[in-house]
Amino acid sequence: MATPQFHSLRIRDVRPEIADAVTVSFDVPETLRDAFRFTQGQFVTLKTHSTVRKRGACIPFASA
């Protein structure tokens, strides 16, 4: 398994889907398009930073 690489991306849109799910769209720079191209069975790890604590989550990709 490859070592994870993290990139800072700007959130373009957050759309509620059902009670416990949302769709999050990101602005991906052209230079990172290949790294974020959809592959079946792929997961992405999201990290957020706050002054209270650091959190992470492993989220499955879906193709739109």
C-alpha atoms as a PDB file:
ATOM      1  CA  MET A   1       0.000   0.000   0.000  1.00  0.00           C
ATOM      2  CA  ALA A   2       1.309   3.442  -0.937  1.00  0.00           C
ATOM      3  CA  THR A   3       2.105   6.078   1.666  1.00  0.00           C
ATOM      4  CA  PRO A   4      -0.814   8.523   1.859  1.00  0.00           C
ATOM      5  CA  GLN A   5      -0.259  11.996   0.452  1.00  0.00           C
ATOM      6  CA  PHE A   6      -2.335  14.919   1.649  1.00  0.00           C
ATOM      7  CA  HIS A   7      -3.324  17.973  -0.399  1.00  0.00           C
ATOM      8  CA  SER A   8      -5.143  21.131   0.674  1.00  0.00           C
ATOM      9  CA  LEU A   9      -8.335  21.501  -1.353  1.00  0.00           C
ATOM     10  CA  ARG A  10     -11.037  24.145  -1.236  1.00  0.00           C
ATOM     11  CA  ILE A  11     -14.605  22.922  -0.711  1.00  0.00           C
ATOM     12  CA  ARG A  12     -16.795  23.947  -3.657  1.00  0.00           C
ATOM     13  CA  ASP A  13     -20.168  22.711  -2.375  1.00  0.00           C
ATOM     14  CA  VAL A  14     -21.814  20.699   0.419  1.00  0.00           C
ATOM     15  CA  ARG A  15     -25.186  19.197  -0.456  1.00  0.00           C
ATOM     16  CA  PRO A  16     -27.383  17.280   2.030  1.00  0.00           C
ATOM     17  CA  GLU A  17     -28.517  13.902   0.642  1.00  0.00           C
ATOM     18  CA  ILE A  18     -30.250  11.984   3.465  1.00  0.00           C
ATOM     19  CA  ALA A  19     -30.372  12.294   7.259  1.00  0.00           C
ATOM     20  CA  ASP A  20     -26.780  11.123   7.800  1.00  0.00           C
ATOM     21  CA  ALA A  21     -25.061  11.766   4.457  1.00  0.00           C
ATOM     22  CA  VAL A  22     -23.859  14.710   2.412  1.00  0.00           C
ATOM     23  CA  THR A  23     -22.135  15.158  -0.920  1.00  0.00           C
ATOM     24  CA  VAL A  24     -18.978  17.273  -0.696  1.00  0.00           C
ATOM     25  CA  SER A  25     -17.509  18.697  -3.908  1.00  0.00           C
ATOM     26  CA  PHE A  26     -13.945  20.005  -4.021  1.00  0.00           C
ATOM     27  CA  ASP A  27     -12.118  22.381  -6.345  1.00  0.00           C
ATOM     28  CA  VAL A  28      -9.246  20.210  -7.594  1.00  0.00           C
ATOM     29  CA  PRO A  29      -6.426  22.070  -9.372  1.00  0.00           C
ATOM     30  CA  GLU A  30      -5.528  20.839 -12.847  1.00  0.00           C
ATOM     31  CA  THR A  31      -2.132  19.648 -11.543  1.00  0.00           C
ATOM     32  CA  LEU A  32      -3.881  17.199  -9.155  1.00  0.00           C
ATOM     33  CA  ARG A  33      -6.647  15.927 -11.498  1.00  0.00           C
ATOM     34  CA  ASP A  34      -4.905  12.597 -12.166  1.00  0.00           C
ATOM     35  CA  ALA A  35      -4.353  11.983  -8.441  1.00  0.00           C
ATOM     36  CA  PHE A  36      -8.081  12.488  -7.767  1.00  0.00           C
ATOM     37  CA  ARG A  37      -9.444  10.660 -10.833  1.00  0.00           C
ATOM     38  CA  PHE A  38     -12.142   8.137  -9.853  1.00  0.00           C
ATOM     39  CA  THR A  39     -11.098   4.492  -9.472  1.00  0.00           C
ATOM     40  CA  GLN A  40     -13.618   1.860  -8.398  1.00  0.00           C
ATOM     41  CA  GLY A  41     -13.140   0.762  -4.765  1.00  0.00           C
ATOM     42  CA  GLN A  42     -11.066   3.837  -3.950  1.00  0.00           C
ATOM     43  CA  PHE A  43     -11.110   5.618  -0.574  1.00  0.00           C
ATOM     44  CA  VAL A  44      -9.963   9.077   0.425  1.00  0.00           C
ATOM     45  CA  THR A  45      -8.837  10.169   3.890  1.00  0.00           C
ATOM     46  CA  LEU A  46     -10.008  13.613   4.939  1.00  0.00           C
ATOM     47  CA  LYS A  47      -8.252  15.567   7.664  1.00  0.00           C
ATOM     48  CA  THR A  48      -9.463  18.698   9.375  1.00  0.00           C
ATOM     49  CA  HIS A  49      -7.613  20.858  11.829  1.00  0.00           C
ATOM     50  CA  SER A  50      -9.118  22.819  14.672  1.00  0.00           C
ATOM     51  CA  THR A  51      -7.882  24.428  17.847  1.00  0.00           C
ATOM     52  CA  VAL A  52      -9.787  21.783  19.844  1.00  0.00           C
ATOM     53  CA  ARG A  53      -8.604  18.545  18.206  1.00  0.00           C
ATOM     54  CA  LYS A  54      -7.390  16.932  15.017  1.00  0.00           C
ATOM     55  CA  ARG A  55      -9.800  14.554  13.290  1.00  0.00           C
ATOM     56  CA  GLY A  56      -9.636  12.269  10.314  1.00  0.00           C
ATOM     57  CA  ALA A  57     -12.015   9.994   8.455  1.00  0.00           C
ATOM     58  CA  CYS A  58     -11.692   7.429   5.690  1.00  0.00           C
ATOM     59  CA  ILE A  59     -14.452   8.074   3.159  1.00  0.00           C
ATOM     60  CA  PRO A  60     -15.401   5.987   0.085  1.00  0.00           C
ATOM     61  CA  PHE A  61     -15.430   7.751  -3.280  1.00  0.00           C
ATOM     62  CA  ALA A  62     -18.534   7.790  -5.418  1.00  0.00           C
ATOM     63  CA  SER A  63     -18.692   8.692  -9.068  1.00  0.00           C
ATOM     64  CA  ALA A  64     -21.224  11.323 -10.088  1.00  0.00           C
END
